[in-house]
Every structure is written in structure tokens, then in C-alpha cells.
Protein backbone atom coordinates (compact mmCIF):
# COMPACT_ATOMS: atom_id res chain seq x y z
CA MET A 1 22.45 2.74 20.81
CA ARG A 2 25.80 0.87 21.44
CA ILE A 3 26.96 -2.37 21.06
CA VAL A 4 30.13 -3.88 23.03
CA PHE A 5 31.06 -7.20 21.72
CA VAL A 6 33.56 -8.81 24.48
CA ARG A 7 34.86 -12.59 23.21
CA HIS A 8 34.75 -14.94 25.64
CA GLY A 9 38.77 -15.59 27.66
CA GLU A 10 41.09 -18.60 26.24
CA PRO A 11 38.82 -21.55 26.52
CA ASP A 12 39.25 -24.73 27.67
CA TYR A 13 37.09 -25.91 24.43
CA ALA A 14 36.79 -30.27 25.71
CA HIS A 15 35.33 -28.76 28.71
CA ASP A 16 33.61 -25.93 26.90
CA CYS A 17 34.66 -23.49 29.83
CA LEU A 18 37.80 -20.82 30.77
CA THR A 19 41.28 -22.08 32.01
CA GLU A 20 42.68 -20.45 34.67
CA ARG A 21 43.82 -17.48 31.96
CA GLY A 22 40.77 -17.31 30.60
CA ARG A 23 39.55 -16.28 33.79
CA LEU A 24 41.89 -14.51 34.46
CA GLN A 25 41.07 -11.99 31.40
CA ALA A 26 37.47 -12.67 31.72
CA LYS A 27 38.47 -9.79 34.97
CA LEU A 28 40.65 -7.74 33.57
CA ALA A 29 37.60 -7.80 31.08
CA ALA A 30 34.74 -7.04 33.54
CA ASP A 31 37.00 -4.79 34.86
CA ARG A 32 37.82 -2.93 31.68
CA LEU A 33 33.93 -2.18 31.11
CA ARG A 34 33.22 -0.21 34.03
CA GLU A 35 34.28 2.16 31.66
CA GLU A 36 31.89 1.67 29.47
CA GLY A 37 28.05 2.69 31.07
CA ILE A 38 26.47 -0.97 29.98
CA GLU A 39 23.36 -1.56 30.63
CA GLU A 40 22.74 -5.03 29.60
CA ILE A 41 25.07 -8.09 29.18
CA TRP A 42 23.55 -10.92 26.79
CA SER A 43 25.44 -13.91 26.61
CA SER A 44 25.67 -16.66 23.94
CA PRO A 45 25.06 -19.74 25.55
CA LEU A 46 28.17 -21.80 25.24
CA GLY A 47 29.61 -21.73 28.65
CA ARG A 48 33.50 -20.24 27.18
CA ALA A 49 30.96 -17.24 26.62
CA LYS A 50 29.19 -17.03 29.47
CA GLU A 51 31.84 -17.59 32.39
CA THR A 52 33.10 -14.68 30.92
CA ALA A 53 29.70 -13.07 30.61
CA GLU A 54 29.13 -13.67 34.29
CA ALA A 55 32.56 -12.03 35.41
CA ALA A 56 31.33 -8.83 34.51
CA SER A 57 27.99 -9.93 35.56
CA ALA A 58 29.27 -9.24 38.97
CA ALA A 59 31.40 -6.93 38.36
CA LEU A 60 28.55 -4.04 37.14
CA ASP A 61 25.63 -5.96 38.79
CA LEU A 62 23.99 -6.61 35.89
CA PRO A 63 22.37 -9.90 35.51
CA VAL A 64 23.15 -11.93 32.19
CA LYS A 65 20.75 -13.06 29.20
CA THR A 66 21.00 -15.56 26.52
CA LEU A 67 21.19 -15.03 22.94
CA ASP A 68 20.52 -18.64 21.62
CA PHE A 69 21.47 -17.33 18.06
CA MET A 70 25.12 -16.32 19.00
CA GLU A 71 26.34 -19.59 19.87
CA GLU A 72 29.91 -20.03 18.12
CA VAL A 73 29.49 -21.21 14.61
CA THR A 74 30.62 -24.60 13.24
CA TRP A 75 31.15 -25.68 9.60
CA GLY A 76 31.88 -29.23 7.17
CA SER A 77 30.43 -29.47 3.75
CA ARG A 78 26.24 -30.50 3.99
CA ASP A 79 26.28 -32.88 1.69
CA GLY A 80 30.12 -34.91 1.93
CA THR A 81 31.25 -32.92 -0.82
CA GLU A 82 35.26 -32.42 -0.49
CA LEU A 83 35.50 -29.13 0.90
CA PHE A 84 38.73 -27.32 1.36
CA ALA A 85 40.46 -27.61 4.50
CA GLY A 86 37.27 -29.52 5.55
CA GLY A 87 35.28 -26.15 5.46
CA HIS A 88 37.31 -23.98 7.95
CA PRO A 89 36.40 -20.02 7.21
CA TRP A 90 39.32 -18.88 7.93
CA ALA A 91 41.50 -21.15 6.70
CA ILE A 92 39.35 -20.65 3.14
CA VAL A 93 39.37 -16.61 3.70
CA ASP A 94 43.86 -17.15 3.43
CA GLU A 95 43.25 -19.16 0.44
CA MET A 96 40.67 -16.60 -0.79
CA ALA A 97 43.46 -14.42 -0.01
CA ARG A 98 46.44 -16.18 -1.54
CA GLN A 99 44.53 -16.40 -4.88
CA GLY A 100 43.64 -12.78 -5.49
CA ILE A 101 39.45 -13.37 -5.09
CA ALA A 102 37.91 -11.17 -3.75
CA LEU A 103 36.46 -11.48 0.05
CA ASN A 104 34.04 -8.59 -0.01
CA ARG A 105 32.02 -10.40 -3.76
CA PRO A 106 28.34 -10.42 -1.85
CA ASP A 107 27.38 -13.23 -3.92
CA TRP A 108 30.42 -15.47 -1.35
CA ARG A 109 27.55 -18.31 -0.19
CA GLU A 110 27.43 -19.37 -3.55
CA THR A 111 31.15 -19.93 -4.52
CA PRO A 112 32.46 -23.55 -4.37
CA TRP A 113 34.39 -22.49 -0.85
CA PHE A 114 30.60 -21.85 0.56
CA ARG A 115 27.71 -23.69 -1.37
CA VAL A 116 27.87 -26.66 0.92
CA ASN A 117 29.69 -24.79 3.95
CA ARG A 118 27.68 -25.30 6.69
CA VAL A 119 28.75 -22.26 8.38
CA VAL A 120 26.12 -20.72 5.87
CA ASP A 121 23.25 -21.65 7.78
CA CYS A 122 25.19 -20.66 10.80
CA VAL A 123 25.95 -17.27 9.69
CA ASP A 124 22.40 -16.72 8.24
CA ARG A 125 21.05 -17.56 11.67
CA VAL A 126 22.88 -14.94 13.35
CA GLU A 127 22.27 -12.55 10.98
CA ALA A 128 17.94 -12.87 11.47
CA GLY A 129 19.24 -13.13 15.45
CA ILE A 130 20.41 -10.19 15.53
CA ASP A 131 18.06 -8.47 13.40
CA ASP A 132 15.14 -9.58 15.63
CA TRP A 133 17.16 -7.97 18.19
CA LEU A 134 17.98 -4.91 17.46
CA ALA A 135 14.25 -4.91 16.01
CA GLY A 136 13.71 -4.82 19.63
CA PHE A 137 15.59 -1.98 20.92
CA GLY A 138 13.88 0.20 17.98
CA TYR A 139 16.25 -0.41 15.24
CA VAL A 140 14.24 -1.96 12.50
CA ARG A 141 16.49 -3.59 9.26
CA GLU A 142 15.75 -1.70 5.74
CA GLY A 143 17.74 -3.46 2.66
CA THR A 144 21.33 -2.34 3.62
CA HIS A 145 20.40 0.53 6.84
CA TYR A 146 18.58 0.24 10.03
CA ARG A 147 15.57 2.67 10.62
CA HIS A 148 16.31 3.25 14.10
CA THR A 149 11.71 3.81 15.22
CA VAL A 150 12.78 6.13 18.57
CA GLU A 151 14.40 8.83 18.59
CA GLU A 152 17.69 8.84 21.73
CA GLN A 153 18.50 11.20 24.18
CA ARG A 154 21.85 9.30 24.40
CA HIS A 155 23.16 6.56 23.83
CA LYS A 156 21.90 3.11 25.12
CA THR A 157 24.77 0.80 26.03
CA VAL A 158 24.30 -3.04 26.07
CA ALA A 159 27.09 -5.71 25.94
CA ILE A 160 27.33 -8.87 23.97
CA PHE A 161 29.92 -11.92 24.88
CA SER A 162 30.73 -14.26 22.04
CA HIS A 163 32.50 -16.02 19.56
CA GLY A 164 35.26 -15.03 17.66
CA GLY A 165 32.94 -16.22 14.33
CA SER A 166 29.51 -15.73 15.48
CA SER A 167 30.78 -12.13 16.54
CA CYS A 168 32.12 -11.43 13.21
CA ALA A 169 28.70 -12.21 11.51
CA ALA A 170 26.91 -10.37 14.15
CA MET A 171 29.65 -7.35 13.41
CA GLY A 172 29.71 -7.76 9.38
CA HIS A 173 25.84 -7.61 9.02
CA ILE A 174 25.61 -5.04 10.69
CA LEU A 175 28.05 -2.58 8.94
CA GLY A 176 27.61 -4.80 5.43
CA LEU A 177 30.09 -6.41 5.13
CA PRO A 178 30.61 -9.80 4.02
CA PHE A 179 31.16 -12.87 6.21
CA PRO A 180 34.87 -13.66 5.01
CA TYR A 181 35.66 -9.93 4.43
CA ALA A 182 34.50 -9.53 8.61
CA ILE A 183 36.53 -12.94 9.41
CA ALA A 184 39.37 -11.42 7.88
CA LEU A 185 39.57 -8.28 8.75
CA LEU A 186 38.24 -8.49 12.37
CA HIS A 187 40.72 -10.57 14.19
CA LEU A 188 39.97 -10.82 17.56
CA ASP A 189 41.76 -11.29 21.16
CA PHE A 190 40.45 -13.44 23.18
CA ALA A 191 38.77 -11.18 25.53
CA GLY A 192 39.63 -8.52 23.05
CA ILE A 193 36.25 -5.54 23.69
CA THR A 194 35.20 -4.12 20.15
CA VAL A 195 32.05 -1.23 20.01
CA VAL A 196 29.97 -0.87 17.53
CA ARG A 197 27.50 2.43 17.42
CA LEU A 198 24.28 2.57 15.53
CA ASP A 199 22.22 6.16 15.36
CA SER A 200 20.50 8.08 17.95
CA ARG A 201 17.90 9.60 15.47
CA ALA A 202 15.20 8.63 14.81
CA GLY A 203 14.46 7.38 10.51
CA VAL A 204 17.32 5.89 8.60
CA GLY A 205 19.77 5.68 10.36
CA ALA A 206 23.50 6.79 9.37
CA LEU A 207 26.31 4.17 8.08
CA PRO A 208 26.85 1.94 11.29
CA GLN A 209 29.79 3.36 13.36
CA LEU A 210 33.22 0.81 14.61
CA LYS A 211 34.08 2.54 17.63
CA TYR A 212 37.29 1.12 18.31
CA VAL A 213 38.22 -2.68 17.22
CA ASN A 214 39.92 -5.42 19.39
CA ASP A 215 40.63 -3.69 22.15
CA ALA A 216 42.94 -5.70 24.27
CA GLY A 217 44.58 -2.78 26.14
CA HIS A 218 43.25 -4.20 29.71
CA LEU A 219 45.43 -7.83 28.68
CA ARG A 220 48.94 -6.64 29.48
CA ARG A 221 48.69 -8.03 33.00
CA VAL A 222 48.06 -10.74 31.56
CA SER A 223 51.70 -11.67 30.67
CA GLY A 224 51.76 -11.78 26.09
CA ASP A 225 48.59 -10.29 25.42
CA GLY A 226 47.53 -7.22 24.58
CA SER A 227 50.74 -6.21 22.75
CA ARG A 228 49.04 -4.72 19.69
């Protein structure tokens, strides 16, 4: 199975929709996705992700299905405890790295940075949701790996349109990367495309593979995009 993760285009966060630039990015991403052999389109319920997914839906003639658990992560203190940068996870990982603190520690939820941070609840929701969703395709999580209950003659390809944080939480969980490490490692551009592949053979699968990360070459037609 191949999962094509697509971050939404440039957003108007205040109105939860795309800007004009974001709509162009979404169209260019949709054209690029014609190459992927996508069979199903799934989206976060938020407007900016749905609008990006709808561009692909029009280009590929596929309906958009909703994944509520892929709504973007939020952060802040659960109990009023003061958190560094208000609990903003990207600011936290930058500070942890500055202090030489490992970002891939498995007990990250218990650190002072995250112990009472609401982002942990969001990550837990995404991780549980992606496991339930993958189980529907025959991939059952056992510890840190997935057991594939059916043999695929070819890789089924599905697309998920979502957000920087929820995409990193889902991909990190699939790949065995703690959330702080995933958001530090996977910097996703607006309308960038990342592909994760799981083993097509029945049985306990090999480690999932990142086929490519944050492909933004299709955005070069938008001034200043896709340059890296």
C-alpha cells in the first residue's frame, strides 16, 4: 500500500480556506498527482485541506472521504502550567535541539515540554485514528510494526490531504518516529507531497519506507515555491 500525504495549499487561517496562491498550489498538486495512480482520496475535515483535496477530486474524478482524526493538532497547557512558547511544538523542538536534548526519546510525552501540553492529546488521536484506518486496509499494528492480513498483487495507492502537524504525527507513527523528531525532520511545504509505502506481502511487514519527502517540484510555476 502506498499513502500519498499532501499538505494543504497556502491558507487563509482566519477563514479556514485557501488563498488565491493556495488555490493555484492545489491545482498544480492535483495535476502532479495524476502520476501516482491514486484510487481513493481522503481529507481532514478542515476547510483548507478539503479545498486542496477537492482540486484533486476534480482532476482525478474521485470522491473525497473525510478523516476526522486528521484535523490539525493544537497546543497549550491543560492545567494552566506555563509552557515554553505557549506549548508551540515547533518552537519547543527548536529549543530542545538548541539545548542538546534528544528529539527521538520514546518518553517525550513525559517531559516538562509536553507533560501537560494539549498537543499530546492531538497526537494520541491521530495515532489511534491512523491505526484504525490502516486496519481497514488489512494492516494491523502489532507493537511497532504492521501485520498485513492480505496479499496485494500491486500496491494500492490512496491520498490523504491534511496539515503539517497531523501529517507528521501520522507519518511519524507509521515510521516509528516520536512526534518531536517527526516535526523536526519532516518540514512540509504547502501542497508538498510525501509518499509512504507499506509492505504488500501478507504477514508482519518490513519497516515502512519513505519513497520521497515533501516533493514540491510541481510548485515551481508559483513564484518562490518549489525551489528546494
